[in-house]
Amino acid sequence: MMVATFLGCLAFLIFQSKFEASGEVPPNLNKLLAYGKEKKICKAYLEGAFWAQNYPTIIDVDEQFAYIMPIAEGTGLAHQWVVESPGLNGDPKTVSLSRKTGPYAGWYLRHSNFFLRVDDKNNPTAPDSFIEDATWRMIPNKYFKYYFSFQSVNYPNRYIRHEGFILKLHPDDWSELFSKDASFLQVPSTAIYTK
């Protein structure tokens, strides 16, 4: 178990150092390294909101869908996400996103029928596929400097993108519109609106 713990922490630290060495770390990224006592693995937690590249909007959720919404004064802290690495499937190269605040706090962003929504880890609507549906590869600078794209683990040719303000899982069609729709900037929630 000690070897697994060491390797889990080492994998994250290597990933983090490569990311920082490239000079491509988004400014003001709120990073926290914590030790996951439950699973005895090293976890990285990044907290913040996600800002769409081509609209002044952030990722939000309701009881049915995940979507992007306009940024309104005072809403930053209400739209905070926690990015956990490794993701729910345990692969150190993956992440899972859970809601930090609001009525769905602790619920994970997952896809279902290629639409994005949040689901309760303890009582998911489709338990057989929940772990993989809620696990992503968070790819920095895929289309734009400082922006992340989220690749599905169980549908690796598909990425999170917004279309008609709804978040969906789509294959990359190599268009300029897709690259903008599938790029998100992670910022500390307090940086969105502070007075």
Protein backbone atom coordinates (compact mmCIF):
# COMPACT_ATOMS: atom_id res chain seq x y z
CA MET A 1 0.00 0.00 0.00
CA MET A 2 2.88 2.38 0.74
CA VAL A 3 4.28 1.77 -2.75
CA ALA A 4 0.89 2.54 -4.34
CA THR A 5 0.60 5.70 -2.25
CA PHE A 6 4.08 6.83 -3.23
CA LEU A 7 3.49 6.11 -6.93
CA GLY A 8 0.12 7.91 -6.89
CA CYS A 9 1.70 11.01 -5.36
CA LEU A 10 4.70 10.80 -7.67
CA ALA A 11 2.48 10.56 -10.76
CA PHE A 12 0.60 13.70 -9.74
CA LEU A 13 3.75 15.63 -8.87
CA ILE A 14 5.32 14.73 -12.24
CA PHE A 15 2.15 15.84 -14.04
CA GLN A 16 2.08 19.08 -12.02
CA SER A 17 5.77 19.83 -12.57
CA LYS A 18 5.54 19.23 -16.35
CA PHE A 19 2.53 21.51 -16.50
CA GLU A 20 4.33 24.25 -14.55
CA ALA A 21 7.63 23.78 -16.42
CA SER A 22 5.88 24.37 -19.72
CA GLY A 23 4.94 27.84 -18.52
CA GLU A 24 1.35 27.09 -19.46
CA VAL A 25 -0.22 27.21 -16.00
CA PRO A 26 -3.22 29.54 -16.02
CA PRO A 27 -2.54 32.55 -13.80
CA ASN A 28 -4.19 32.67 -10.36
CA LEU A 29 -5.11 28.98 -10.43
CA ASN A 30 -6.11 27.96 -6.93
CA LYS A 31 -4.14 24.76 -6.26
CA LEU A 32 -4.19 22.58 -3.22
CA LEU A 33 -2.43 19.27 -2.76
CA ALA A 34 -4.07 17.01 -0.18
CA TYR A 35 -3.59 13.49 1.06
CA GLY A 36 -6.62 11.23 0.47
CA LYS A 37 -6.75 9.15 3.65
CA GLU A 38 -9.69 7.00 2.53
CA LYS A 39 -7.96 5.45 -0.47
CA LYS A 40 -4.40 6.11 0.64
CA ILE A 41 -3.60 7.96 -2.56
CA CYS A 42 -2.33 11.42 -3.28
CA LYS A 43 -5.05 13.70 -4.63
CA ALA A 44 -4.88 17.12 -6.19
CA TYR A 45 -7.84 19.42 -5.77
CA LEU A 46 -8.30 22.45 -7.98
CA GLU A 47 -11.16 24.69 -6.96
CA GLY A 48 -12.77 27.29 -9.15
CA ALA A 49 -15.32 28.10 -11.79
CA PHE A 50 -15.11 27.34 -15.51
CA TRP A 51 -15.44 30.20 -17.97
CA ALA A 52 -16.41 29.43 -21.59
CA GLN A 53 -13.89 30.64 -24.17
CA ASN A 54 -16.29 32.28 -26.62
CA TYR A 55 -19.01 33.63 -24.31
CA PRO A 56 -18.76 35.46 -20.96
CA THR A 57 -20.47 32.51 -19.29
CA ILE A 58 -19.72 29.88 -16.66
CA ILE A 59 -20.72 26.24 -16.20
CA ASP A 60 -23.82 25.72 -14.06
CA VAL A 61 -26.34 22.91 -13.51
CA ASP A 62 -29.98 22.29 -12.72
CA GLU A 63 -31.94 19.08 -12.07
CA GLN A 64 -31.75 18.05 -15.74
CA PHE A 65 -28.73 19.48 -17.54
CA ALA A 66 -25.37 21.16 -17.27
CA TYR A 67 -25.21 24.40 -19.23
CA ILE A 68 -23.40 27.70 -19.52
CA MET A 69 -24.97 30.83 -18.07
CA PRO A 70 -24.12 34.53 -18.14
CA ILE A 71 -21.92 35.73 -15.32
CA ALA A 72 -23.93 37.89 -12.97
CA GLU A 73 -22.68 40.00 -10.09
CA GLY A 74 -22.25 38.05 -6.88
CA THR A 75 -22.66 34.61 -8.49
CA GLY A 76 -19.02 33.49 -8.51
CA LEU A 77 -19.02 31.50 -5.30
CA ALA A 78 -22.28 29.77 -6.25
CA HIS A 79 -20.66 28.11 -9.26
CA GLN A 80 -17.60 26.55 -7.74
CA TRP A 81 -16.32 23.14 -8.82
CA VAL A 82 -13.72 20.82 -7.35
CA VAL A 83 -11.49 19.02 -9.84
CA GLU A 84 -10.26 15.77 -8.28
CA SER A 85 -7.22 13.97 -9.59
CA PRO A 86 -7.07 11.04 -10.01
CA GLY A 87 -10.64 10.75 -11.30
CA LEU A 88 -13.22 8.37 -9.90
CA ASN A 89 -11.78 5.50 -11.95
CA GLY A 90 -8.43 5.81 -10.10
CA ASP A 91 -6.33 6.55 -13.20
CA PRO A 92 -3.78 9.25 -12.24
CA LYS A 93 -4.12 10.82 -15.70
CA THR A 94 -7.82 11.56 -15.20
CA VAL A 95 -10.03 13.97 -13.25
CA SER A 96 -13.58 14.10 -11.95
CA LEU A 97 -15.51 17.32 -11.33
CA SER A 98 -17.81 17.70 -8.35
CA ARG A 99 -19.96 20.63 -7.39
CA LYS A 100 -18.59 22.39 -4.31
CA THR A 101 -21.57 24.60 -3.48
CA GLY A 102 -25.30 24.90 -4.06
CA PRO A 103 -28.10 22.35 -4.04
CA TYR A 104 -25.97 19.74 -5.82
CA ALA A 105 -22.86 20.05 -3.65
CA GLY A 106 -20.82 16.85 -3.82
CA TRP A 107 -22.50 15.64 -7.02
CA TYR A 108 -20.33 14.81 -10.03
CA LEU A 109 -20.47 16.08 -13.58
CA ARG A 110 -21.20 13.12 -15.87
CA HIS A 111 -22.59 12.46 -19.32
CA SER A 112 -25.75 10.54 -20.02
CA ASN A 113 -26.96 10.01 -23.60
CA PHE A 114 -24.27 12.55 -24.60
CA PHE A 115 -25.80 15.34 -22.49
CA LEU A 116 -24.03 16.56 -19.35
CA ARG A 117 -25.65 16.63 -15.92
CA VAL A 118 -24.70 16.10 -12.30
CA ASP A 119 -25.35 12.90 -10.42
CA ASP A 120 -25.05 11.68 -6.85
CA LYS A 121 -22.10 9.32 -6.44
CA ASN A 122 -23.93 7.47 -3.66
CA ASN A 123 -27.14 6.98 -5.66
CA PRO A 124 -26.42 7.46 -9.40
CA THR A 125 -29.17 7.12 -11.99
CA ALA A 126 -27.10 4.68 -14.08
CA PRO A 127 -24.76 3.01 -11.56
CA ASP A 128 -23.11 0.61 -14.04
CA SER A 129 -21.61 3.42 -16.11
CA PHE A 130 -21.40 6.23 -13.52
CA ILE A 131 -17.65 5.96 -12.73
CA GLU A 132 -16.56 6.12 -16.37
CA ASP A 133 -19.23 8.69 -17.30
CA ALA A 134 -17.97 10.99 -14.54
CA THR A 135 -14.25 10.67 -15.37
CA TRP A 136 -12.40 12.95 -17.80
CA ARG A 137 -9.02 13.75 -19.23
CA MET A 138 -8.43 17.45 -18.55
CA ILE A 139 -6.26 18.61 -21.45
CA PRO A 140 -4.47 21.95 -21.08
CA ASN A 141 -3.93 24.24 -24.08
CA LYS A 142 -5.56 21.87 -26.61
CA TYR A 143 -7.06 24.74 -28.59
CA PHE A 144 -6.20 27.93 -26.68
CA LYS A 145 -3.45 28.92 -24.25
CA TYR A 146 -4.59 28.68 -20.61
CA TYR A 147 -7.83 26.91 -21.55
CA PHE A 148 -8.77 23.31 -20.75
CA SER A 149 -10.70 20.79 -22.81
CA PHE A 150 -12.39 17.78 -21.23
CA GLN A 151 -12.09 14.46 -23.07
CA SER A 152 -14.46 11.64 -22.17
CA VAL A 153 -12.75 8.53 -20.79
CA ASN A 154 -15.28 6.04 -22.16
CA TYR A 155 -15.81 7.93 -25.45
CA PRO A 156 -12.26 9.23 -26.11
CA ASN A 157 -13.15 10.80 -29.45
CA ARG A 158 -15.69 13.10 -27.69
CA TYR A 159 -15.21 16.29 -25.67
CA ILE A 160 -17.41 18.49 -23.51
CA ARG A 161 -18.69 21.42 -25.55
CA HIS A 162 -21.54 23.87 -25.26
CA GLU A 163 -24.16 24.10 -27.99
CA GLY A 164 -27.26 26.24 -27.57
CA PHE A 165 -25.91 26.90 -24.03
CA ILE A 166 -26.36 23.19 -23.12
CA LEU A 167 -23.25 21.10 -22.36
CA LYS A 168 -22.94 18.02 -24.54
CA LEU A 169 -20.44 15.34 -25.44
CA HIS A 170 -19.41 15.80 -29.11
CA PRO A 171 -16.72 14.45 -31.41
CA ASP A 172 -14.14 17.00 -32.48
CA ASP A 173 -15.11 18.18 -35.97
CA TRP A 174 -11.93 20.29 -36.26
CA SER A 175 -13.94 23.47 -36.79
CA GLU A 176 -13.06 26.82 -35.24
CA LEU A 177 -16.47 26.90 -33.55
CA PHE A 178 -15.91 23.50 -31.93
CA SER A 179 -12.49 24.51 -30.58
CA LYS A 180 -14.07 27.58 -28.94
CA ASP A 181 -17.12 25.69 -27.64
CA ALA A 182 -14.88 22.98 -26.12
CA SER A 183 -12.45 25.31 -24.29
CA PHE A 184 -12.89 26.44 -20.70
CA LEU A 185 -10.75 28.65 -18.49
CA GLN A 186 -10.54 27.62 -14.85
CA VAL A 187 -10.53 30.64 -12.57
CA PRO A 188 -10.95 31.04 -8.81
CA SER A 189 -14.63 31.70 -8.18
CA THR A 190 -13.87 34.90 -6.32
CA ALA A 191 -12.10 36.28 -9.40
CA ILE A 192 -15.30 36.21 -11.42
CA TYR A 193 -17.06 38.88 -9.42
CA THR A 194 -15.55 40.65 -6.49
CA LYS A 195 -16.44 44.06 -5.10
